[in-house]
Amino acid sequence: MNSLNDKGAFKKAFGLLVKTTPFLGLNIIVYGGFFLAAVMWLGIFGGIALFFSSRIELLAIIFFIIAVAGPFAVLAFGKRYILYMIKGAHIAVLTKYLTEGEVPEGKSQIAYGREIVQQNFRDVSILFALDRMIDRVIRRFTRRFVRLVDMLPLGGGASKLARWVSTIVNQSLSYIDEAILSYSIAKDGKNVWENARQGIILYAQVYKPVLMSAIKIWFLGRAFFLALLIILGIPGIILMLMFDTGWFQVITIVSLFLLTSLIIRAVFDPFATAYTLVTYHQSIEGVEVNKEWDERLRSVSGTFRQMTDKAKDFAGKNMPGDFTASEEVRTTS
């Protein structure tokens, strides 16, 4: 197993991001368009809530909730389908650059990434479902085998600190499932279930550097979010002072948090993904899949056993599996 220091990993991740700037541009366009639509939504429904505030208080509250919650609900839906397709394509192109050093010339990176995703996963519902299964197995592995108290400087007695660390670890795991999807793509085989299964086993064998990288990038993301919120908050405060009305101030505050979140998703998340991919692929280099860890994971995770069954079924039929997003809902840890 090779090691890669933080400076080298950051440099390599940044280099990958520079090479895949078309995806950053697409992110900015998509999230920028969403922000403009969200501001219009806030203005329309916020205005309706203001209209009813002095007439029918209940309707005012309902429209206010719609105004604030609507954009975030649409964003969650978009992440699951449309935006995730973009992210999947980006992971595919990042993986090709990382493992092969180049992508085909004369073809759009975005089109090429989508082509890889289509070849490996058939459609976005299977990509999303597999990602959810990987996430469940990783979280089960973390609860069962990762001793969080070993990561603390105060020893096992610091129960409150251990719970705090556990929360941070759980929030940082989303980057790891993307690294395992990257491994599945790098294997360049049609049996994505077996590829993902092997990727999980390899992660279990070398989890410490990968998990620590995910935690570091999570902290960096929170710091970036706070700094960006402060920077954007300055003109936001000026606007609120200029227009001293309650509804405008609420819309401004919600817009500030939404804009900050969208910038993080559009710019920082791709870097976080690239950084985790670099660390994961570097950590598993030269490592063979361990049968003992395969058995351990099967003994503690029903979802991992499902993936094993799917991999066997796929290999037996030698044809794309019939797994759908609805089946993912029924999986268990």
Protein backbone atom coordinates (compact mmCIF):
# COMPACT_ATOMS: atom_id res chain seq x y z
CA MET A 1 0.00 0.00 0.00
CA ASN A 2 1.41 3.35 -1.00
CA SER A 3 1.10 6.48 1.10
CA LEU A 4 0.28 9.95 -0.13
CA ASN A 5 0.75 12.96 2.11
CA ASP A 6 -1.87 15.66 2.44
CA LYS A 7 0.03 18.13 0.30
CA GLY A 8 0.45 15.61 -2.51
CA ALA A 9 -3.20 14.53 -2.32
CA PHE A 10 -4.46 18.13 -2.36
CA LYS A 11 -2.22 18.97 -5.30
CA LYS A 12 -3.32 15.93 -7.27
CA ALA A 13 -7.01 16.54 -6.48
CA PHE A 14 -6.72 20.17 -7.56
CA GLY A 15 -5.02 19.06 -10.77
CA LEU A 16 -7.87 16.66 -11.50
CA LEU A 17 -10.36 19.45 -10.89
CA VAL A 18 -8.55 21.73 -13.32
CA LYS A 19 -8.60 19.00 -15.97
CA THR A 20 -12.36 18.58 -15.55
CA THR A 21 -13.39 22.25 -15.57
CA PRO A 22 -16.31 21.60 -17.99
CA PHE A 23 -18.09 19.93 -15.09
CA LEU A 24 -17.45 22.92 -12.83
CA GLY A 25 -18.93 25.17 -15.50
CA LEU A 26 -21.95 22.89 -15.82
CA ASN A 27 -22.37 22.88 -12.02
CA ILE A 28 -22.28 26.67 -11.91
CA ILE A 29 -24.87 26.94 -14.69
CA VAL A 30 -27.22 24.39 -13.11
CA TYR A 31 -26.93 25.63 -9.55
CA GLY A 32 -26.94 29.27 -10.66
CA GLY A 33 -30.15 28.72 -12.58
CA PHE A 34 -31.64 26.96 -9.61
CA PHE A 35 -30.73 29.88 -7.34
CA LEU A 36 -32.41 32.42 -9.61
CA ALA A 37 -35.54 30.24 -9.77
CA ALA A 38 -35.46 29.83 -5.98
CA VAL A 39 -35.25 33.58 -5.42
CA MET A 40 -38.26 34.07 -7.68
CA TRP A 41 -40.08 31.35 -5.74
CA LEU A 42 -39.23 33.03 -2.43
CA GLY A 43 -40.39 36.39 -3.74
CA ILE A 44 -43.71 35.10 -5.09
CA PHE A 45 -44.75 32.94 -2.15
CA GLY A 46 -43.19 35.32 0.36
CA GLY A 47 -45.29 38.09 -1.17
CA ILE A 48 -48.43 35.95 -0.91
CA ALA A 49 -47.63 35.22 2.73
CA LEU A 50 -47.21 38.95 3.34
CA PHE A 51 -50.56 39.64 1.66
CA PHE A 52 -52.39 37.25 3.97
CA SER A 53 -50.43 38.24 7.11
CA SER A 54 -52.92 40.97 7.99
CA ARG A 55 -55.95 39.01 6.74
CA ILE A 56 -55.79 35.25 7.34
CA GLU A 57 -52.90 34.35 9.62
CA LEU A 58 -53.07 30.58 8.97
CA LEU A 59 -52.74 31.06 5.20
CA ALA A 60 -49.84 33.44 5.77
CA ILE A 61 -48.01 30.76 7.78
CA ILE A 62 -48.72 28.07 5.16
CA PHE A 63 -47.43 30.19 2.28
CA PHE A 64 -44.40 31.24 4.32
CA ILE A 65 -43.51 27.56 4.91
CA ILE A 66 -43.98 26.85 1.19
CA ALA A 67 -41.75 29.81 0.34
CA VAL A 68 -38.90 28.64 2.58
CA ALA A 69 -39.18 24.84 2.27
CA GLY A 70 -39.95 24.66 -1.47
CA PRO A 71 -36.44 25.35 -2.85
CA PHE A 72 -34.78 22.91 -0.46
CA ALA A 73 -37.29 20.16 -1.32
CA VAL A 74 -36.71 20.70 -5.05
CA LEU A 75 -32.94 20.66 -4.47
CA ALA A 76 -33.20 17.30 -2.66
CA PHE A 77 -35.24 15.87 -5.54
CA GLY A 78 -32.82 17.27 -8.10
CA LYS A 79 -29.85 15.76 -6.29
CA ARG A 80 -31.46 12.33 -6.48
CA TYR A 81 -32.03 12.37 -10.22
CA ILE A 82 -30.84 15.20 -12.49
CA LEU A 83 -27.90 16.56 -10.50
CA TYR A 84 -26.69 13.11 -9.48
CA MET A 85 -26.36 12.20 -13.15
CA ILE A 86 -23.98 15.11 -13.54
CA LYS A 87 -22.02 14.04 -10.46
CA GLY A 88 -21.86 10.43 -11.64
CA ALA A 89 -20.45 11.54 -14.99
CA HIS A 90 -17.89 13.72 -13.21
CA ILE A 91 -16.79 10.81 -11.00
CA ALA A 92 -16.39 8.70 -14.15
CA VAL A 93 -14.14 11.26 -15.87
CA LEU A 94 -12.14 11.89 -12.68
CA THR A 95 -11.61 8.14 -12.41
CA LYS A 96 -10.35 7.86 -15.99
CA TYR A 97 -7.88 10.71 -15.45
CA LEU A 98 -6.76 9.21 -12.15
CA THR A 99 -6.30 5.63 -13.38
CA GLU A 100 -5.40 6.12 -17.04
CA GLY A 101 -4.06 9.67 -17.12
CA GLU A 102 -6.22 10.79 -20.04
CA VAL A 103 -9.64 10.73 -21.68
CA PRO A 104 -10.43 10.41 -25.41
CA GLU A 105 -9.77 13.55 -27.41
CA GLY A 106 -12.38 15.11 -29.63
CA LYS A 107 -15.26 14.24 -27.33
CA SER A 108 -16.99 16.36 -24.71
CA GLN A 109 -16.01 15.34 -21.18
CA ILE A 110 -19.63 15.60 -20.08
CA ALA A 111 -20.85 13.38 -22.93
CA TYR A 112 -18.01 10.93 -22.29
CA GLY A 113 -18.77 10.76 -18.57
CA ARG A 114 -22.46 10.11 -19.21
CA GLU A 115 -21.52 7.42 -21.71
CA ILE A 116 -19.42 5.63 -19.07
CA VAL A 117 -22.22 5.89 -16.54
CA GLN A 118 -24.70 4.52 -19.08
CA GLN A 119 -22.41 1.62 -19.96
CA ASN A 120 -21.81 0.68 -16.32
CA PHE A 121 -25.14 1.42 -14.65
CA ARG A 122 -27.70 1.55 -17.50
CA ASP A 123 -29.61 4.47 -15.92
CA VAL A 124 -29.46 6.90 -13.05
CA SER A 125 -31.86 4.91 -10.84
CA ILE A 126 -29.42 1.98 -10.68
CA LEU A 127 -26.50 4.35 -10.05
CA PHE A 128 -28.39 6.02 -7.23
CA ALA A 129 -29.61 2.71 -5.78
CA LEU A 130 -26.11 1.20 -5.79
CA ASP A 131 -24.72 4.33 -4.16
CA ARG A 132 -27.35 4.06 -1.41
CA MET A 133 -26.46 0.41 -0.83
CA ILE A 134 -22.75 1.24 -0.61
CA ASP A 135 -23.55 4.03 1.84
CA ARG A 136 -25.51 1.65 4.07
CA VAL A 137 -22.75 -0.95 4.12
CA ILE A 138 -20.09 1.67 4.88
CA ARG A 139 -22.13 3.06 7.76
CA ARG A 140 -22.72 -0.44 9.10
CA PHE A 141 -19.00 -1.19 8.83
CA THR A 142 -18.18 2.04 10.68
CA ARG A 143 -20.59 1.27 13.53
CA ARG A 144 -19.35 -2.30 13.84
CA PHE A 145 -15.60 -2.18 13.26
CA VAL A 146 -14.31 1.40 13.58
CA ARG A 147 -13.34 2.29 17.14
CA LEU A 148 -13.97 6.01 17.24
CA VAL A 149 -12.47 6.31 20.73
CA ASP A 150 -9.11 5.34 19.22
CA MET A 151 -9.28 8.57 17.22
CA LEU A 152 -9.62 10.68 20.35
CA PRO A 153 -6.72 12.14 22.33
CA LEU A 154 -8.59 11.78 25.63
CA GLY A 155 -9.12 8.02 25.59
CA GLY A 156 -12.27 5.96 25.85
CA GLY A 157 -13.78 7.89 28.75
CA ALA A 158 -14.68 10.92 26.67
CA SER A 159 -18.18 9.71 25.79
CA LYS A 160 -19.56 13.12 24.78
CA LEU A 161 -16.58 13.78 22.57
CA ALA A 162 -16.92 10.30 21.09
CA ARG A 163 -20.54 11.03 20.15
CA TRP A 164 -19.47 14.31 18.57
CA VAL A 165 -16.77 12.54 16.57
CA SER A 166 -19.31 9.89 15.56
CA THR A 167 -21.60 12.59 14.14
CA ILE A 168 -18.76 14.10 12.12
CA VAL A 169 -17.69 10.69 10.82
CA ASN A 170 -21.23 9.85 9.71
CA GLN A 171 -21.52 13.13 7.82
CA SER A 172 -18.17 12.62 6.09
CA LEU A 173 -18.96 9.11 4.82
CA SER A 174 -20.79 10.37 1.72
CA TYR A 175 -17.46 11.09 0.06
CA ILE A 176 -16.34 7.48 0.64
CA ASP A 177 -19.22 5.87 -1.24
CA GLU A 178 -18.29 8.06 -4.22
CA ALA A 179 -14.75 6.64 -4.05
CA ILE A 180 -16.14 3.10 -4.16
CA LEU A 181 -18.32 4.00 -7.15
CA SER A 182 -15.10 5.26 -8.73
CA TYR A 183 -13.46 1.90 -8.05
CA SER A 184 -16.39 0.14 -9.70
CA ILE A 185 -15.93 2.31 -12.79
CA ALA A 186 -12.14 1.80 -12.76
CA LYS A 187 -12.58 -2.00 -12.84
CA ASP A 188 -14.24 -1.47 -16.22
CA GLY A 189 -16.37 -4.59 -15.88
CA LYS A 190 -20.08 -4.98 -16.48
CA ASN A 191 -20.79 -6.57 -13.08
CA VAL A 192 -21.08 -3.36 -11.06
CA TRP A 193 -22.39 -5.32 -8.06
CA GLU A 194 -19.19 -7.38 -7.81
CA ASN A 195 -17.01 -4.34 -8.48
CA ALA A 196 -18.71 -2.33 -5.73
CA ARG A 197 -18.55 -5.32 -3.38
CA GLN A 198 -14.81 -5.62 -3.87
CA GLY A 199 -14.42 -1.86 -3.46
CA ILE A 200 -16.12 -2.02 -0.07
CA ILE A 201 -13.93 -4.92 1.08
CA LEU A 202 -10.78 -3.03 0.05
CA TYR A 203 -12.00 0.04 1.93
CA ALA A 204 -12.54 -2.11 5.04
CA GLN A 205 -8.95 -3.31 4.77
CA VAL A 206 -7.40 0.18 4.47
CA TYR A 207 -10.12 2.41 5.94
CA LYS A 208 -7.99 4.58 8.25
CA PRO A 209 -6.28 6.90 5.71
CA VAL A 210 -9.43 7.12 3.59
CA LEU A 211 -11.68 7.87 6.55
CA MET A 212 -9.25 10.44 7.95
CA SER A 213 -9.11 12.16 4.56
CA ALA A 214 -12.92 12.28 4.43
CA ILE A 215 -13.03 13.82 7.91
CA LYS A 216 -10.37 16.40 7.02
CA ILE A 217 -12.22 17.42 3.88
CA TRP A 218 -15.46 17.63 5.87
CA PHE A 219 -13.85 20.12 8.28
CA LEU A 220 -12.43 22.08 5.36
CA GLY A 221 -15.88 22.21 3.82
CA ARG A 222 -17.45 23.55 7.02
CA ALA A 223 -14.72 26.21 7.26
CA PHE A 224 -15.25 27.17 3.62
CA PHE A 225 -19.02 27.37 4.21
CA LEU A 226 -18.57 29.66 7.22
CA ALA A 227 -16.08 31.93 5.42
CA LEU A 228 -18.32 32.15 2.37
CA LEU A 229 -21.37 32.89 4.51
CA ILE A 230 -19.52 35.76 6.20
CA ILE A 231 -18.36 37.18 2.84
CA LEU A 232 -21.83 36.99 1.32
CA GLY A 233 -23.40 38.13 4.57
CA ILE A 234 -21.80 41.57 4.41
CA PRO A 235 -23.77 42.80 1.35
CA GLY A 236 -26.76 40.85 2.72
CA ILE A 237 -26.71 42.87 5.94
CA ILE A 238 -26.41 46.09 3.97
CA LEU A 239 -29.50 45.11 1.94
CA MET A 240 -31.46 44.33 5.11
CA LEU A 241 -30.54 47.72 6.57
CA MET A 242 -31.62 49.48 3.38
CA PHE A 243 -34.99 47.70 3.26
CA ASP A 244 -36.12 47.48 6.86
CA THR A 245 -39.08 45.15 6.38
CA GLY A 246 -39.54 41.76 8.02
CA TRP A 247 -40.48 39.72 4.94
CA PHE A 248 -37.55 41.08 2.91
CA GLN A 249 -35.10 40.32 5.72
CA VAL A 250 -36.35 36.73 6.00
CA ILE A 251 -36.05 36.20 2.23
CA THR A 252 -32.56 37.70 2.29
CA ILE A 253 -31.40 35.41 5.11
CA VAL A 254 -32.83 32.30 3.44
CA SER A 255 -31.29 33.34 0.12
CA LEU A 256 -27.88 33.83 1.74
CA PHE A 257 -27.87 30.34 3.25
CA LEU A 258 -29.19 28.84 0.02
CA LEU A 259 -26.61 30.62 -2.14
CA THR A 260 -23.78 29.57 0.18
CA SER A 261 -24.97 25.97 0.12
CA LEU A 262 -25.23 25.98 -3.68
CA ILE A 263 -21.73 27.40 -4.12
CA ILE A 264 -20.39 24.66 -1.85
CA ARG A 265 -22.19 22.03 -3.93
CA ALA A 266 -21.06 23.52 -7.23
CA VAL A 267 -17.40 24.20 -6.42
CA PHE A 268 -16.22 22.59 -3.19
CA ASP A 269 -17.98 19.22 -3.38
CA PRO A 270 -16.26 18.31 -6.69
CA PHE A 271 -12.89 19.04 -5.05
CA ALA A 272 -13.84 16.98 -1.98
CA THR A 273 -14.82 14.11 -4.27
CA ALA A 274 -11.54 14.32 -6.21
CA TYR A 275 -9.51 14.43 -2.98
CA THR A 276 -11.26 11.35 -1.56
CA LEU A 277 -10.86 9.49 -4.85
CA VAL A 278 -7.12 10.21 -4.86
CA THR A 279 -6.70 8.98 -1.29
CA TYR A 280 -8.80 5.86 -1.82
CA HIS A 281 -7.13 4.72 -5.04
CA GLN A 282 -3.69 5.42 -3.61
CA SER A 283 -4.50 3.51 -0.40
CA ILE A 284 -5.77 0.36 -2.14
CA GLU A 285 -2.96 0.22 -4.69
CA GLY A 286 -1.36 -3.22 -4.50
CA VAL A 287 -3.89 -4.49 -1.95
CA GLU A 288 -5.66 -7.78 -2.66
CA VAL A 289 -9.26 -8.47 -1.67
CA ASN A 290 -9.22 -10.29 1.67
CA LYS A 291 -11.63 -13.23 1.98
CA GLU A 292 -11.80 -12.82 5.76
CA TRP A 293 -13.13 -9.27 5.42
CA ASP A 294 -15.61 -10.49 2.83
CA GLU A 295 -17.00 -12.93 5.40
CA ARG A 296 -17.00 -10.32 8.18
CA LEU A 297 -19.01 -7.88 6.11
CA ARG A 298 -21.47 -10.55 5.06
CA SER A 299 -21.97 -11.51 8.70
CA VAL A 300 -22.90 -7.99 9.84
CA SER A 301 -24.63 -6.38 6.83
CA GLY A 302 -27.76 -7.63 5.11
CA THR A 303 -27.23 -5.03 2.39
CA PHE A 304 -23.77 -6.43 1.69
CA ARG A 305 -25.26 -9.92 1.41
CA GLN A 306 -27.79 -8.54 -1.07
CA MET A 307 -24.96 -7.08 -3.13
CA THR A 308 -23.24 -10.48 -3.07
CA ASP A 309 -26.40 -12.18 -4.29
CA LYS A 310 -26.84 -9.58 -7.03
CA ALA A 311 -23.24 -10.09 -8.13
CA LYS A 312 -23.76 -13.88 -8.32
CA ASP A 313 -27.03 -13.52 -10.20
CA PHE A 314 -25.42 -11.14 -12.67
CA ALA A 315 -22.47 -13.46 -13.22
CA GLY A 316 -24.79 -16.44 -13.67
CA LYS A 317 -27.05 -14.73 -16.18
CA ASN A 318 -24.23 -12.77 -17.86
CA MET A 319 -26.70 -9.97 -18.45
CA PRO A 320 -27.67 -6.65 -16.75
CA GLY A 321 -29.43 -7.14 -13.44
CA ASP A 322 -33.03 -6.18 -12.90
CA PHE A 323 -32.42 -4.23 -9.74
CA THR A 324 -34.52 -1.09 -9.46
CA ALA A 325 -34.68 1.87 -7.14
CA SER A 326 -37.79 0.43 -5.50
CA GLU A 327 -35.81 -2.63 -4.37
CA GLU A 328 -33.24 -0.37 -2.71
CA VAL A 329 -35.89 0.94 -0.37
CA ARG A 330 -36.36 -2.56 1.04
CA THR A 331 -32.67 -3.20 1.77
CA THR A 332 -31.58 -3.57 5.35
CA SER A 333 -28.32 -2.93 7.12
